Each structure stands twice: as structure tokens, then as C-alpha cells.
Amino acid sequence: MIKVSFIIIALMLFSIWQISFNNEQKLSDNTFLVVQDSVKQKGKNMEEKIIRSEEEWKKILTPEQYRVLREKGTERAFTGVYWNHYEEGVYKCAGCGAELFSSNTKFDSHCGWPSYFTPLAGDRVVYKEDRSYGMIRTEVLCAKCGGHLGHVFDDGPEPTGLRYCINSVSLIFEKRPKQK
């Protein structure tokens, strides 16, 4: 009986250790991203954070935007308006208008969703571990409104080696002239 209790306690401790270890995910050879809940994230955008009720979000967003941004849905590959869009400008959050990605960092990853190798600035997005659908991924959320944007993977191009795979419906494009 003591051996069984010891084994159960050891397994529980191992599980707790594994959960805390999984909160740090390797994104590339030299980069580690500490994954944390955006609600606990502290930073410059916290004072600007937008908090709305679900009813308010439903009034502001289209049904598809609500499904993706608020319910963590995804659009089908190769169907979004920005997956093969390459005009000069900035991609903003469709929920709050925060500037998230530049066309200068967009690349064709052949995955069917808009892909970027970095956000405009480190405080524009937050990360959260996503264990849905039997996978462990890193979810990308808007730091200002908490809207689901997509996921980040470690198979992108240099200089970051990252691929931010973002739903078109989570974005609004603002055309800007090329800077000289």
C-alpha cells in the first residue's frame, strides 16, 4: 500500500513539473518563449487593454470575426482575404484596431493563412499555451483586446525563424506608402 501511494505521489509531482516545464516552449535554436495567460501578462498595453462584454463584442464584430477572435475559431486555409495579399501597409487587429504586423514582415509560407516572421513590436501580441485538438501550440492574441489571432511556429524564415500564422478575419489592412 505504501509503494502504491508513493508511486501515485511521484506521478502527481512529475505531472506538476511537466506542466510547469511546458510553459516554456522552444521557438528556435536560440529563442525561448515563456507562454503565459494574457490576463496575467503585465506590460505597457495593460493600461490600454480593452475589456468588453460578449454582447458588446457581438455588436461590434461580424459573426465570423466573433467566432475567430472571441471563440478561438479559425478560417479555412486559402480562403482569407490576406493569405496572398502583398500591398504595402499595416495589419491591424479587427477587434480593436491595434497595429500588429507590417507588410515588410509578411511572407508566403504556403500554409494558406497570412504569415509574418515578427510582430511590429514585442508588446503588440501575447502568447498562451494552446492544447486544443490534441496538439501543443502557442496561441497568439492581441495584447490590447485579447482577441485570438492565430498561432506561432518555429519554422519561419530568418531573421527570427518564426512563422506567425494569423487568420485574415482577425485583421484589417491599412494601406501605407512604402517608406524611403
C-alpha atoms as a PDB file:
ATOM      1  CA  MET A   1       0.000   0.000   0.000  1.00  0.00           C
ATOM      2  CA  ILE A   2       2.853   2.394   0.812  1.00  0.00           C
ATOM      3  CA  LYS A   3       4.512   1.624  -2.546  1.00  0.00           C
ATOM      4  CA  VAL A   4       1.275   2.403  -4.420  1.00  0.00           C
ATOM      5  CA  SER A   5       0.864   5.693  -2.525  1.00  0.00           C
ATOM      6  CA  PHE A   6       4.482   6.603  -3.252  1.00  0.00           C
ATOM      7  CA  ILE A   7       4.028   5.866  -6.966  1.00  0.00           C
ATOM      8  CA  ILE A   8       0.839   7.952  -7.112  1.00  0.00           C
ATOM      9  CA  ILE A   9       2.519  10.897  -5.363  1.00  0.00           C
ATOM     10  CA  ALA A  10       5.572  10.606  -7.628  1.00  0.00           C
ATOM     11  CA  LEU A  11       3.352  10.614 -10.724  1.00  0.00           C
ATOM     12  CA  MET A  12       1.441  13.651  -9.456  1.00  0.00           C
ATOM     13  CA  LEU A  13       4.686  15.555  -8.790  1.00  0.00           C
ATOM     14  CA  PHE A  14       6.007  14.592 -12.216  1.00  0.00           C
ATOM     15  CA  SER A  15       2.769  15.844 -13.825  1.00  0.00           C
ATOM     16  CA  ILE A  16       3.015  19.175 -11.999  1.00  0.00           C
ATOM     17  CA  TRP A  17       6.660  19.531 -13.037  1.00  0.00           C
ATOM     18  CA  GLN A  18       5.804  18.667 -16.655  1.00  0.00           C
ATOM     19  CA  ILE A  19       3.015  21.267 -16.781  1.00  0.00           C
ATOM     20  CA  SER A  20       5.312  23.992 -15.454  1.00  0.00           C
ATOM     21  CA  PHE A  21       8.097  22.887 -17.827  1.00  0.00           C
ATOM     22  CA  ASN A  22       5.713  23.027 -20.800  1.00  0.00           C
ATOM     23  CA  ASN A  23       5.014  26.694 -20.056  1.00  0.00           C
ATOM     24  CA  GLU A  24       8.378  27.379 -21.679  1.00  0.00           C
ATOM     25  CA  GLN A  25       8.428  26.395 -25.338  1.00  0.00           C
ATOM     26  CA  LYS A  26      11.427  26.453 -27.613  1.00  0.00           C
ATOM     27  CA  LEU A  27      10.716  28.568 -30.674  1.00  0.00           C
ATOM     28  CA  SER A  28      14.106  28.382 -32.376  1.00  0.00           C
ATOM     29  CA  ASP A  29      17.658  27.315 -31.627  1.00  0.00           C
ATOM     30  CA  ASN A  30      18.384  30.441 -29.587  1.00  0.00           C
ATOM     31  CA  THR A  31      14.949  31.661 -28.519  1.00  0.00           C
ATOM     32  CA  PHE A  32      12.608  30.527 -25.780  1.00  0.00           C
ATOM     33  CA  LEU A  33       9.143  31.971 -25.355  1.00  0.00           C
ATOM     34  CA  VAL A  34       7.607  31.902 -21.929  1.00  0.00           C
ATOM     35  CA  VAL A  35       3.978  31.096 -22.562  1.00  0.00           C
ATOM     36  CA  GLN A  36       1.574  32.655 -20.128  1.00  0.00           C
ATOM     37  CA  ASP A  37      -2.043  33.612 -19.892  1.00  0.00           C
ATOM     38  CA  SER A  38      -2.585  37.084 -21.373  1.00  0.00           C
ATOM     39  CA  VAL A  39      -4.688  38.061 -18.357  1.00  0.00           C
ATOM     40  CA  LYS A  40      -1.590  37.645 -16.187  1.00  0.00           C
ATOM     41  CA  GLN A  41       0.680  39.430 -18.690  1.00  0.00           C
ATOM     42  CA  LYS A  42       1.989  42.725 -17.370  1.00  0.00           C
ATOM     43  CA  GLY A  43       3.294  45.325 -19.745  1.00  0.00           C
ATOM     44  CA  LYS A  44       2.789  48.631 -21.465  1.00  0.00           C
ATOM     45  CA  ASN A  45      -0.537  47.675 -23.039  1.00  0.00           C
ATOM     46  CA  MET A  46      -2.239  46.701 -19.792  1.00  0.00           C
ATOM     47  CA  GLU A  47      -3.368  50.287 -19.153  1.00  0.00           C
ATOM     48  CA  GLU A  48      -4.789  50.385 -22.684  1.00  0.00           C
ATOM     49  CA  LYS A  49      -6.449  46.973 -22.505  1.00  0.00           C
ATOM     50  CA  ILE A  50      -9.955  46.877 -23.945  1.00  0.00           C
ATOM     51  CA  ILE A  51     -12.494  44.895 -21.964  1.00  0.00           C
ATOM     52  CA  ARG A  52     -15.987  44.392 -23.368  1.00  0.00           C
ATOM     53  CA  SER A  53     -18.843  42.042 -22.599  1.00  0.00           C
ATOM     54  CA  GLU A  54     -19.595  39.261 -25.061  1.00  0.00           C
ATOM     55  CA  GLU A  55     -22.772  41.122 -26.056  1.00  0.00           C
ATOM     56  CA  GLU A  56     -20.717  44.231 -26.872  1.00  0.00           C
ATOM     57  CA  TRP A  57     -18.295  42.148 -28.953  1.00  0.00           C
ATOM     58  CA  LYS A  58     -21.218  40.594 -30.840  1.00  0.00           C
ATOM     59  CA  LYS A  59     -22.497  44.082 -31.753  1.00  0.00           C
ATOM     60  CA  ILE A  60     -19.073  45.270 -32.942  1.00  0.00           C
ATOM     61  CA  LEU A  61     -17.810  42.212 -34.833  1.00  0.00           C
ATOM     62  CA  THR A  62     -19.225  40.263 -37.756  1.00  0.00           C
ATOM     63  CA  PRO A  63     -20.315  36.706 -36.858  1.00  0.00           C
ATOM     64  CA  GLU A  64     -17.138  35.292 -38.467  1.00  0.00           C
ATOM     65  CA  GLN A  65     -14.889  37.791 -36.666  1.00  0.00           C
ATOM     66  CA  TYR A  66     -16.607  36.952 -33.383  1.00  0.00           C
ATOM     67  CA  ARG A  67     -16.163  33.208 -33.974  1.00  0.00           C
ATOM     68  CA  VAL A  68     -12.425  33.590 -34.593  1.00  0.00           C
ATOM     69  CA  LEU A  69     -11.452  36.498 -32.325  1.00  0.00           C
ATOM     70  CA  ARG A  70     -13.620  35.679 -29.299  1.00  0.00           C
ATOM     71  CA  GLU A  71     -14.286  31.922 -29.609  1.00  0.00           C
ATOM     72  CA  LYS A  72     -10.794  30.974 -30.873  1.00  0.00           C
ATOM     73  CA  GLY A  73     -12.014  29.644 -34.197  1.00  0.00           C
ATOM     74  CA  THR A  74     -10.075  29.522 -37.450  1.00  0.00           C
ATOM     75  CA  GLU A  75     -10.851  30.187 -41.062  1.00  0.00           C
ATOM     76  CA  ARG A  76     -10.307  27.570 -43.734  1.00  0.00           C
ATOM     77  CA  ALA A  77      -6.889  27.616 -45.403  1.00  0.00           C
ATOM     78  CA  PHE A  78      -6.579  29.637 -48.632  1.00  0.00           C
ATOM     79  CA  THR A  79      -9.935  31.403 -48.077  1.00  0.00           C
ATOM     80  CA  GLY A  80      -8.978  34.551 -46.124  1.00  0.00           C
ATOM     81  CA  VAL A  81      -8.580  37.883 -47.887  1.00  0.00           C
ATOM     82  CA  TYR A  82      -4.952  38.379 -46.773  1.00  0.00           C
ATOM     83  CA  TRP A  83      -3.287  34.988 -47.294  1.00  0.00           C
ATOM     84  CA  ASN A  84      -1.920  36.105 -50.693  1.00  0.00           C
ATOM     85  CA  HIS A  85      -2.095  39.877 -50.160  1.00  0.00           C
ATOM     86  CA  TYR A  86       1.148  41.852 -50.601  1.00  0.00           C
ATOM     87  CA  GLU A  87       0.365  45.571 -50.629  1.00  0.00           C
ATOM     88  CA  GLU A  88       2.489  47.911 -48.504  1.00  0.00           C
ATOM     89  CA  GLY A  89       0.908  48.731 -45.180  1.00  0.00           C
ATOM     90  CA  VAL A  90      -0.009  47.615 -41.686  1.00  0.00           C
ATOM     91  CA  TYR A  91      -2.252  44.798 -40.496  1.00  0.00           C
ATOM     92  CA  LYS A  92      -4.376  45.807 -37.506  1.00  0.00           C
ATOM     93  CA  CYS A  93      -6.497  43.834 -35.073  1.00  0.00           C
ATOM     94  CA  ALA A  94     -10.072  43.615 -36.381  1.00  0.00           C
ATOM     95  CA  GLY A  95     -11.324  43.762 -32.790  1.00  0.00           C
ATOM     96  CA  CYS A  96      -9.656  46.936 -31.555  1.00  0.00           C
ATOM     97  CA  GLY A  97      -7.546  48.460 -34.333  1.00  0.00           C
ATOM     98  CA  ALA A  98      -4.165  47.863 -32.655  1.00  0.00           C
ATOM     99  CA  GLU A  99      -1.337  47.781 -35.199  1.00  0.00           C
ATOM    100  CA  LEU A 100       0.065  44.245 -35.121  1.00  0.00           C
ATOM    101  CA  PHE A 101       2.061  43.302 -38.231  1.00  0.00           C
ATOM    102  CA  SER A 102       3.811  45.110 -41.082  1.00  0.00           C
ATOM    103  CA  SER A 103       3.701  44.060 -44.711  1.00  0.00           C
ATOM    104  CA  ASN A 104       7.526  44.195 -44.530  1.00  0.00           C
ATOM    105  CA  THR A 105       7.494  41.059 -42.351  1.00  0.00           C
ATOM    106  CA  LYS A 106       4.881  39.133 -44.351  1.00  0.00           C
ATOM    107  CA  PHE A 107       5.985  36.100 -46.350  1.00  0.00           C
ATOM    108  CA  ASP A 108       4.385  33.258 -48.297  1.00  0.00           C
ATOM    109  CA  SER A 109       4.617  30.172 -46.106  1.00  0.00           C
ATOM    110  CA  HIS A 110       2.310  28.159 -48.401  1.00  0.00           C
ATOM    111  CA  CYS A 111       0.130  27.305 -45.387  1.00  0.00           C
ATOM    112  CA  GLY A 112      -2.990  29.166 -46.570  1.00  0.00           C
ATOM    113  CA  TRP A 113      -3.011  31.867 -43.895  1.00  0.00           C
ATOM    114  CA  PRO A 114      -1.200  35.202 -43.726  1.00  0.00           C
ATOM    115  CA  SER A 115       2.255  34.608 -42.253  1.00  0.00           C
ATOM    116  CA  TYR A 116       4.690  37.042 -40.663  1.00  0.00           C
ATOM    117  CA  PHE A 117       8.117  36.481 -39.134  1.00  0.00           C
ATOM    118  CA  THR A 118       7.621  39.050 -36.352  1.00  0.00           C
ATOM    119  CA  PRO A 119       5.002  41.419 -34.934  1.00  0.00           C
ATOM    120  CA  LEU A 120       5.529  45.193 -35.176  1.00  0.00           C
ATOM    121  CA  ALA A 121       6.732  45.253 -31.559  1.00  0.00           C
ATOM    122  CA  GLY A 122       7.050  42.735 -28.759  1.00  0.00           C
ATOM    123  CA  ASP A 123       4.229  44.271 -26.740  1.00  0.00           C
ATOM    124  CA  ARG A 124       1.642  44.043 -29.567  1.00  0.00           C
ATOM    125  CA  VAL A 125       0.837  40.379 -29.026  1.00  0.00           C
ATOM    126  CA  VAL A 126       0.750  37.977 -26.097  1.00  0.00           C
ATOM    127  CA  TYR A 127       1.149  34.219 -26.076  1.00  0.00           C
ATOM    128  CA  LYS A 128      -0.776  31.438 -24.465  1.00  0.00           C
ATOM    129  CA  GLU A 129      -0.281  27.697 -24.480  1.00  0.00           C
ATOM    130  CA  ASP A 130      -2.961  26.002 -26.589  1.00  0.00           C
ATOM    131  CA  ARG A 131      -3.565  22.287 -26.022  1.00  0.00           C
ATOM    132  CA  SER A 132      -6.690  22.012 -28.178  1.00  0.00           C
ATOM    133  CA  TYR A 133      -7.200  19.285 -30.779  1.00  0.00           C
ATOM    134  CA  GLY A 134      -4.591  17.015 -29.200  1.00  0.00           C
ATOM    135  CA  MET A 135      -1.686  19.368 -30.031  1.00  0.00           C
ATOM    136  CA  ILE A 136       0.541  21.676 -28.034  1.00  0.00           C
ATOM    137  CA  ARG A 137       0.832  25.015 -29.815  1.00  0.00           C
ATOM    138  CA  THR A 138       1.457  28.641 -28.912  1.00  0.00           C
ATOM    139  CA  GLU A 139      -1.598  30.812 -29.422  1.00  0.00           C
ATOM    140  CA  VAL A 140      -1.114  34.447 -30.438  1.00  0.00           C
ATOM    141  CA  LEU A 141      -3.530  37.020 -29.004  1.00  0.00           C
ATOM    142  CA  CYS A 142      -3.884  40.769 -29.423  1.00  0.00           C
ATOM    143  CA  ALA A 143      -2.325  42.397 -26.348  1.00  0.00           C
ATOM    144  CA  LYS A 144      -4.886  45.204 -26.368  1.00  0.00           C
ATOM    145  CA  CYS A 145      -8.204  43.316 -26.614  1.00  0.00           C
ATOM    146  CA  GLY A 146      -7.223  39.675 -26.056  1.00  0.00           C
ATOM    147  CA  GLY A 147      -8.617  38.606 -29.443  1.00  0.00           C
ATOM    148  CA  HIS A 148      -7.420  35.282 -30.888  1.00  0.00           C
ATOM    149  CA  LEU A 149      -5.222  35.938 -33.914  1.00  0.00           C
ATOM    150  CA  GLY A 150      -3.700  32.549 -34.698  1.00  0.00           C
ATOM    151  CA  HIS A 151      -0.573  30.619 -33.669  1.00  0.00           C
ATOM    152  CA  VAL A 152       3.204  30.979 -33.856  1.00  0.00           C
ATOM    153  CA  PHE A 153       5.516  28.199 -35.025  1.00  0.00           C
ATOM    154  CA  ASP A 154       9.298  27.797 -35.163  1.00  0.00           C
ATOM    155  CA  ASP A 155       9.519  27.003 -38.891  1.00  0.00           C
ATOM    156  CA  GLY A 156       9.697  30.531 -40.289  1.00  0.00           C
ATOM    157  CA  PRO A 157      12.406  32.384 -42.209  1.00  0.00           C
ATOM    158  CA  GLU A 158      15.351  34.362 -40.877  1.00  0.00           C
ATOM    159  CA  PRO A 159      15.925  36.598 -39.054  1.00  0.00           C
ATOM    160  CA  THR A 160      13.576  35.201 -36.368  1.00  0.00           C
ATOM    161  CA  GLY A 161      12.902  31.655 -37.566  1.00  0.00           C
ATOM    162  CA  LEU A 162       9.268  32.180 -36.541  1.00  0.00           C
ATOM    163  CA  ARG A 163       6.038  31.903 -38.502  1.00  0.00           C
ATOM    164  CA  TYR A 164       3.091  33.836 -37.108  1.00  0.00           C
ATOM    165  CA  CYS A 165       0.184  32.070 -38.806  1.00  0.00           C
ATOM    166  CA  ILE A 166      -2.695  34.549 -38.469  1.00  0.00           C
ATOM    167  CA  ASN A 167      -6.356  34.404 -39.500  1.00  0.00           C
ATOM    168  CA  SER A 168      -7.271  37.030 -42.118  1.00  0.00           C
ATOM    169  CA  VAL A 169     -10.604  37.634 -40.411  1.00  0.00           C
ATOM    170  CA  SER A 170      -8.693  38.740 -37.286  1.00  0.00           C
ATOM    171  CA  LEU A 171      -7.041  41.512 -39.279  1.00  0.00           C
ATOM    172  CA  ILE A 172      -7.845  44.778 -41.022  1.00  0.00           C
ATOM    173  CA  PHE A 173      -5.339  46.092 -43.555  1.00  0.00           C
ATOM    174  CA  GLU A 174      -4.382  49.752 -43.757  1.00  0.00           C
ATOM    175  CA  LYS A 175      -2.534  50.658 -46.944  1.00  0.00           C
ATOM    176  CA  ARG A 176       0.512  52.870 -46.418  1.00  0.00           C
ATOM    177  CA  PRO A 177       3.039  54.142 -48.927  1.00  0.00           C
ATOM    178  CA  LYS A 178       6.436  52.499 -48.968  1.00  0.00           C
ATOM    179  CA  GLN A 179       8.841  54.348 -46.688  1.00  0.00           C
ATOM    180  CA  LYS A 180      12.032  55.666 -48.286  1.00  0.00           C
END
